[in-house]
Amino acid sequence: MGDLLHNQAESASHDLQPGVDVASFQGLPRHWTHVAGDITWAAVKITELEQDGTRYVNPYADADWKWLHAHAKGRVAYFFGHPSRSPAESVAFFIAHLTRLGLQDADAVAVDLEVTDGRGVAEGASWGVQVLSELERTLSRKPLLYTFVDFARAGYCAGQEDYPLWVADWSTPPGHPEVPRPWRTWAIHQYDISGSIDRDVANYHSLQDMFAALGKRAAKEPDVQNLGGKLVSALTSGRWPNGSLLVAGLGHDGFIQANIWDGSDWSGWTPVSPTRATAGPSVTLWVNGNGRLFYVDEANDVIELVTSDGGRNWT
């Protein structure tokens, strides 16, 4: 992380890291940096794929991004999300412009989710989960979610608690935000939007800690593991948005077996079918631990099994 780690060591020694978030409203760096004061990091709006299809790019993002790097400040790139637009297209539009700006390992990313575009609670929450999951998968770092307390309370952030929370709460002192469910803690508190610039504090002991947590994960050596199982069919697999994996196949005893990866460990092979099967299964998985598994039994009937708890139980 180079200069970011060394040049900011002294100024980042406090428990809360002061920062600001900027968009086109703040203009070029010469217009806002003197107002920002003694910050250690800043968040920059990059894109917004708007509800009507307009593909907006912040005209000052390039200058902001370069200024932060030149002055050894931590950087967070974010985009404003619209649940009416495709999650994949929204993420791809953001990443394309961020790549042009230059994304380094120490940089963090975020999505600003605060509008519904007329979508219901479940659809809005699902959109957020898909966007966060795609950002994490593509950029190999945990994205922040920016939202309001009331927006999260309404349920639009359900299933997103695995991602660090950037919460807007202007009714509390810096570093003391209300933390809405489903979160239990917070990463960044936006505590003031009353002036010409929005002010934040980050909940990390040092700038190093902040971007070690939010920056790109270190690459791991290939991990070859024998999962056993004694299966006699081709395998089927799926991935939930929270990163959990499910692998299933036909066991040597004729019953469908499944094995679940929760991010740290495999559950071990467990029979999930109430009857014997004639071939391997197929699975489809979606948000909040929901999924379906299909197989053909000995009577040549297609059997459907359903889970709502991440594959721990099938009925």
Protein backbone atom coordinates (compact mmCIF):
# COMPACT_ATOMS: atom_id res chain seq x y z
CA MET A 1 0.00 0.00 0.00
CA GLY A 2 3.10 2.17 -0.26
CA ASP A 3 2.77 5.85 0.57
CA LEU A 4 -0.74 5.31 1.89
CA LEU A 5 0.64 3.26 4.77
CA HIS A 6 3.78 5.23 5.53
CA ASN A 7 2.94 8.88 4.93
CA GLN A 8 -0.31 8.69 6.89
CA ALA A 9 0.96 6.68 9.86
CA GLU A 10 1.02 9.61 12.27
CA SER A 11 -2.21 11.33 11.17
CA ALA A 12 -4.10 8.01 11.11
CA SER A 13 -3.27 7.05 14.68
CA HIS A 14 -6.70 7.99 16.06
CA ASP A 15 -9.52 5.51 16.61
CA LEU A 16 -11.76 7.28 14.05
CA GLN A 17 -10.46 8.21 10.62
CA PRO A 18 -11.85 11.56 9.34
CA GLY A 19 -12.98 11.70 5.74
CA VAL A 20 -15.39 13.30 3.28
CA ASP A 21 -17.45 12.14 0.33
CA VAL A 22 -17.54 14.19 -2.86
CA ALA A 23 -19.46 14.27 -6.13
CA SER A 24 -19.80 16.76 -8.97
CA PHE A 25 -21.46 19.23 -6.58
CA GLN A 26 -18.10 19.84 -4.86
CA GLY A 27 -16.29 20.56 -8.14
CA LEU A 28 -12.58 20.11 -8.71
CA PRO A 29 -10.21 19.36 -5.80
CA ARG A 30 -9.17 23.01 -5.57
CA HIS A 31 -12.77 23.83 -4.69
CA TRP A 32 -13.23 21.37 -1.83
CA THR A 33 -9.92 20.23 -0.36
CA HIS A 34 -9.41 23.38 1.75
CA VAL A 35 -12.96 22.97 3.09
CA ALA A 36 -12.40 19.30 3.88
CA GLY A 37 -9.64 20.06 6.35
CA ASP A 38 -7.44 17.41 7.93
CA ILE A 39 -8.80 14.24 6.34
CA THR A 40 -7.09 10.90 5.88
CA TRP A 41 -9.44 9.55 3.18
CA ALA A 42 -12.25 10.53 0.83
CA ALA A 43 -14.99 8.79 -1.15
CA VAL A 44 -15.60 9.83 -4.76
CA LYS A 45 -18.76 9.28 -6.77
CA ILE A 46 -17.86 7.68 -10.10
CA THR A 47 -21.06 6.72 -11.95
CA GLU A 48 -24.84 6.53 -11.83
CA LEU A 49 -26.84 4.34 -14.21
CA GLU A 50 -30.06 6.29 -13.87
CA GLN A 51 -33.64 5.01 -13.89
CA ASP A 52 -34.31 6.41 -17.39
CA GLY A 53 -31.16 4.76 -18.76
CA THR A 54 -28.93 7.84 -18.62
CA ARG A 55 -25.31 6.79 -18.10
CA TYR A 56 -23.91 9.49 -15.86
CA VAL A 57 -20.19 9.84 -15.11
CA ASN A 58 -18.92 12.36 -12.55
CA PRO A 59 -16.86 14.83 -14.64
CA TYR A 60 -14.54 15.57 -11.71
CA ALA A 61 -13.93 11.97 -10.62
CA ASP A 62 -10.62 11.71 -12.48
CA ALA A 63 -9.23 14.87 -10.88
CA ASP A 64 -10.45 13.86 -7.41
CA TRP A 65 -9.00 10.36 -7.75
CA LYS A 66 -5.60 11.67 -8.86
CA TRP A 67 -5.47 14.32 -6.11
CA LEU A 68 -6.13 11.75 -3.39
CA HIS A 69 -3.37 9.52 -4.70
CA ALA A 70 -0.90 12.40 -5.05
CA HIS A 71 -1.56 13.44 -1.43
CA ALA A 72 -1.43 9.87 -0.03
CA LYS A 73 -5.06 9.83 1.06
CA GLY A 74 -7.17 6.71 1.26
CA ARG A 75 -9.65 6.33 -1.60
CA VAL A 76 -13.19 4.93 -1.78
CA ALA A 77 -14.92 4.80 -5.18
CA TYR A 78 -18.71 4.55 -5.20
CA PHE A 79 -21.70 4.59 -7.51
CA PHE A 80 -25.31 5.60 -6.93
CA GLY A 81 -27.55 2.57 -7.33
CA HIS A 82 -30.93 2.30 -9.05
CA PRO A 83 -32.80 -0.98 -8.41
CA SER A 84 -34.72 -0.45 -11.65
CA ARG A 85 -31.52 -1.11 -13.60
CA SER A 86 -29.81 -4.47 -14.06
CA PRO A 87 -27.38 -5.27 -11.22
CA ALA A 88 -24.85 -6.67 -13.68
CA GLU A 89 -25.09 -3.63 -15.98
CA SER A 90 -24.83 -1.21 -13.06
CA VAL A 91 -21.69 -2.90 -11.75
CA ALA A 92 -20.12 -3.25 -15.20
CA PHE A 93 -20.67 0.47 -15.94
CA PHE A 94 -19.04 1.43 -12.63
CA ILE A 95 -16.09 -0.92 -13.00
CA ALA A 96 -15.40 0.17 -16.58
CA HIS A 97 -14.92 3.80 -15.51
CA LEU A 98 -13.12 2.90 -12.29
CA THR A 99 -10.66 0.81 -14.28
CA ARG A 100 -9.91 3.82 -16.47
CA LEU A 101 -9.21 5.90 -13.37
CA GLY A 102 -6.91 3.23 -11.98
CA LEU A 103 -7.92 0.90 -9.15
CA GLN A 104 -5.13 -0.03 -6.75
CA ASP A 105 -5.07 -2.82 -4.20
CA ALA A 106 -5.45 -0.34 -1.31
CA ASP A 107 -8.57 1.30 -2.78
CA ALA A 108 -12.07 0.53 -1.50
CA VAL A 109 -15.41 0.51 -3.33
CA ALA A 110 -19.00 1.16 -2.29
CA VAL A 111 -22.57 1.31 -3.57
CA ASP A 112 -24.99 4.06 -2.52
CA LEU A 113 -28.41 2.43 -2.05
CA GLU A 114 -31.08 4.89 -0.94
CA VAL A 115 -33.85 4.80 -3.58
CA THR A 116 -36.40 2.13 -4.51
CA ASP A 117 -37.32 3.20 -8.07
CA GLY A 118 -40.78 1.90 -7.19
CA ARG A 119 -39.51 -1.61 -6.45
CA GLY A 120 -40.84 -3.57 -3.49
CA VAL A 121 -38.83 -4.38 -0.39
CA ALA A 122 -37.87 -7.92 -1.43
CA GLU A 123 -36.86 -6.88 -4.95
CA GLY A 124 -34.88 -3.90 -3.67
CA ALA A 125 -33.04 -6.02 -1.10
CA SER A 126 -32.28 -8.69 -3.70
CA TRP A 127 -30.86 -6.05 -6.04
CA GLY A 128 -28.50 -4.87 -3.31
CA VAL A 129 -27.33 -8.39 -2.52
CA GLN A 130 -26.61 -9.10 -6.18
CA VAL A 131 -24.68 -5.86 -6.68
CA LEU A 132 -22.56 -6.29 -3.56
CA SER A 133 -21.84 -9.91 -4.40
CA GLU A 134 -20.82 -9.04 -7.96
CA LEU A 135 -18.54 -6.22 -6.78
CA GLU A 136 -16.85 -8.54 -4.28
CA ARG A 137 -16.44 -11.33 -6.82
CA THR A 138 -15.07 -9.09 -9.56
CA LEU A 139 -12.84 -6.79 -7.51
CA SER A 140 -11.75 -9.23 -4.76
CA ARG A 141 -12.61 -6.86 -1.91
CA LYS A 142 -15.57 -6.30 0.42
CA PRO A 143 -17.65 -3.38 -0.89
CA LEU A 144 -19.23 -0.92 1.52
CA LEU A 145 -22.96 -0.29 1.49
CA TYR A 146 -24.02 3.33 1.98
CA THR A 147 -27.60 3.80 3.15
CA PHE A 148 -29.90 5.60 5.59
CA VAL A 149 -31.15 4.27 8.91
CA ASP A 150 -34.81 4.45 7.87
CA PHE A 151 -34.12 2.85 4.49
CA ALA A 152 -32.49 -0.14 6.18
CA ARG A 153 -35.26 -0.31 8.78
CA ALA A 154 -37.80 -0.63 5.98
CA GLY A 155 -36.12 -3.87 4.86
CA TYR A 156 -34.40 -2.73 1.68
CA CYS A 157 -31.02 -3.87 3.00
CA ALA A 158 -32.06 -7.36 4.13
CA GLY A 159 -29.40 -10.00 3.45
CA GLN A 160 -26.63 -7.41 3.06
CA GLU A 161 -25.25 -7.56 6.59
CA ASP A 162 -22.11 -9.44 5.50
CA TYR A 163 -20.90 -6.19 3.93
CA PRO A 164 -19.50 -3.22 5.91
CA LEU A 165 -22.07 -0.52 6.65
CA TRP A 166 -21.59 3.12 5.69
CA VAL A 167 -24.54 4.71 7.50
CA ALA A 168 -25.96 8.21 7.10
CA ASP A 169 -27.14 9.43 10.51
CA TRP A 170 -27.05 13.19 10.94
CA SER A 171 -28.82 13.19 14.31
CA THR A 172 -25.92 11.76 16.33
CA PRO A 173 -22.35 12.90 17.13
CA PRO A 174 -19.47 11.68 14.94
CA GLY A 175 -18.74 8.03 15.63
CA HIS A 176 -22.04 7.32 17.39
CA PRO A 177 -24.53 6.43 14.67
CA GLU A 178 -27.65 4.39 15.14
CA VAL A 179 -26.92 0.96 13.64
CA PRO A 180 -29.98 -0.42 11.85
CA ARG A 181 -30.71 -4.10 11.60
CA PRO A 182 -29.51 -6.43 10.18
CA TRP A 183 -26.10 -4.89 11.10
CA ARG A 184 -24.58 -4.97 14.55
CA THR A 185 -21.74 -2.56 13.89
CA TRP A 186 -20.74 0.15 11.43
CA ALA A 187 -17.73 0.94 9.24
CA ILE A 188 -18.30 4.59 8.24
CA HIS A 189 -20.59 7.21 9.76
CA GLN A 190 -21.73 10.12 7.59
CA TYR A 191 -22.61 12.56 10.34
CA ASP A 192 -22.96 15.95 8.62
CA ILE A 193 -24.27 17.23 5.27
CA SER A 194 -25.06 20.77 6.44
CA GLY A 195 -22.19 22.54 4.68
CA SER A 196 -20.67 22.44 1.22
CA ILE A 197 -19.19 18.99 1.80
CA ASP A 198 -20.40 15.78 3.44
CA ARG A 199 -18.36 14.69 6.46
CA ASP A 200 -17.64 11.18 7.68
CA VAL A 201 -15.61 9.20 10.18
CA ALA A 202 -14.42 5.63 9.64
CA ASN A 203 -14.50 3.11 12.47
CA TYR A 204 -10.91 1.88 12.26
CA HIS A 205 -7.95 2.34 14.62
CA SER A 206 -5.71 3.47 11.77
CA LEU A 207 -5.78 4.16 8.07
CA GLN A 208 -3.78 1.00 7.60
CA ASP A 209 -6.48 -1.03 9.34
CA MET A 210 -9.19 0.61 7.27
CA PHE A 211 -7.77 -0.21 3.89
CA ALA A 212 -6.43 -3.58 4.96
CA ALA A 213 -10.07 -4.44 5.69
CA LEU A 214 -11.60 -2.74 2.64
CA GLY A 215 -8.84 -3.11 0.04
CA LYS A 216 -8.11 -6.05 -2.21
CA ARG A 217 -7.67 -9.40 -0.50
CA ALA A 218 -4.27 -11.01 -0.76
CA ALA A 219 -4.17 -13.81 -3.29
CA LYS A 220 -4.10 -17.27 -1.78
CA GLU A 221 -2.10 -20.22 -2.95
CA PRO A 222 -4.19 -22.86 -4.74
CA ASP A 223 -5.84 -25.11 -2.17
CA VAL A 224 -6.45 -28.67 -3.32
CA GLN A 225 -8.68 -30.56 -0.92
CA ASN A 226 -10.09 -34.07 -1.09
CA LEU A 227 -13.77 -33.82 -0.14
CA GLY A 228 -14.39 -37.56 -0.23
CA GLY A 229 -18.01 -38.53 -0.67
CA LYS A 230 -17.97 -41.78 -2.70
CA LEU A 231 -20.25 -40.31 -5.34
CA VAL A 232 -21.14 -42.16 -8.54
CA SER A 233 -22.51 -39.33 -10.71
CA ALA A 234 -21.40 -36.03 -12.14
CA LEU A 235 -21.60 -33.19 -9.62
CA THR A 236 -23.88 -30.17 -9.65
CA SER A 237 -23.09 -27.00 -7.73
CA GLY A 238 -24.39 -23.52 -6.94
CA ARG A 239 -23.41 -20.41 -5.03
CA TRP A 240 -25.54 -18.22 -2.78
CA PRO A 241 -24.94 -14.43 -2.94
CA ASN A 242 -23.35 -14.51 0.53
CA GLY A 243 -20.58 -16.76 -0.83
CA SER A 244 -21.77 -20.13 0.52
CA LEU A 245 -21.42 -23.01 -1.93
CA LEU A 246 -23.44 -26.19 -2.41
CA VAL A 247 -22.16 -29.29 -4.17
CA ALA A 248 -24.43 -32.31 -4.71
CA GLY A 249 -24.32 -35.67 -6.46
CA LEU A 250 -25.57 -39.25 -6.41
CA GLY A 251 -24.08 -41.28 -3.57
CA HIS A 252 -22.99 -44.90 -3.94
CA ASP A 253 -26.05 -45.92 -1.88
CA GLY A 254 -28.43 -44.33 -4.38
CA PHE A 255 -29.37 -41.27 -2.29
CA ILE A 256 -28.57 -37.69 -3.22
CA GLN A 257 -25.68 -36.31 -1.14
CA ALA A 258 -24.90 -32.63 -0.53
CA ASN A 259 -21.91 -30.78 0.90
CA ILE A 260 -21.95 -27.06 1.88
CA TRP A 261 -19.05 -24.58 2.11
CA ASP A 262 -19.89 -21.72 4.54
CA GLY A 263 -16.82 -19.64 3.75
CA SER A 264 -14.46 -21.41 6.12
CA ASP A 265 -15.41 -25.09 6.32
CA TRP A 266 -17.25 -27.85 4.46
CA SER A 267 -20.24 -29.38 6.24
CA GLY A 268 -19.44 -32.91 5.07
CA TRP A 269 -21.52 -35.10 2.77
CA THR A 270 -25.09 -35.53 3.99
CA PRO A 271 -27.97 -37.47 2.39
CA VAL A 272 -30.74 -35.04 1.44
CA SER A 273 -33.16 -37.10 -0.67
CA PRO A 274 -35.93 -39.13 1.00
CA THR A 275 -35.83 -41.68 -1.84
CA ARG A 276 -33.19 -43.21 -4.10
CA ALA A 277 -32.33 -41.51 -7.36
CA THR A 278 -31.42 -42.88 -10.78
CA ALA A 279 -29.01 -40.07 -11.72
CA GLY A 280 -27.35 -36.98 -10.34
CA PRO A 281 -29.39 -33.93 -9.28
CA SER A 282 -29.58 -30.33 -10.44
CA VAL A 283 -29.79 -27.28 -8.16
CA THR A 284 -30.77 -23.64 -8.39
CA LEU A 285 -29.99 -21.16 -5.60
CA TRP A 286 -30.92 -17.55 -4.92
CA VAL A 287 -30.89 -14.98 -2.10
CA ASN A 288 -31.47 -15.47 1.63
CA GLY A 289 -30.48 -19.14 1.63
CA ASN A 290 -33.30 -20.24 -0.67
CA GLY A 291 -32.86 -23.00 -3.21
CA ARG A 292 -34.33 -26.00 -4.99
CA LEU A 293 -32.85 -29.41 -5.81
CA PHE A 294 -34.31 -31.73 -8.44
CA TYR A 295 -33.70 -35.44 -9.12
CA VAL A 296 -35.38 -38.45 -10.78
CA ASP A 297 -36.39 -41.26 -8.41
CA GLU A 298 -36.65 -45.00 -9.08
CA ALA A 299 -40.27 -44.57 -10.25
CA ASN A 300 -39.02 -42.10 -12.88
CA ASP A 301 -40.80 -39.23 -11.12
CA VAL A 302 -39.13 -35.83 -10.86
CA ILE A 303 -38.74 -34.92 -7.18
CA GLU A 304 -38.34 -31.33 -6.02
CA LEU A 305 -36.72 -30.50 -2.68
CA VAL A 306 -36.77 -26.97 -1.20
CA THR A 307 -34.44 -25.24 1.27
CA SER A 308 -34.81 -21.84 2.92
CA ASP A 309 -31.87 -22.07 5.35
CA GLY A 310 -28.83 -22.37 3.11
CA GLY A 311 -29.11 -26.11 2.50
CA ARG A 312 -29.15 -27.27 6.11
CA ASN A 313 -32.65 -28.69 5.65
CA TRP A 314 -34.49 -29.89 2.55
CA THR A 315 -38.22 -30.67 2.32
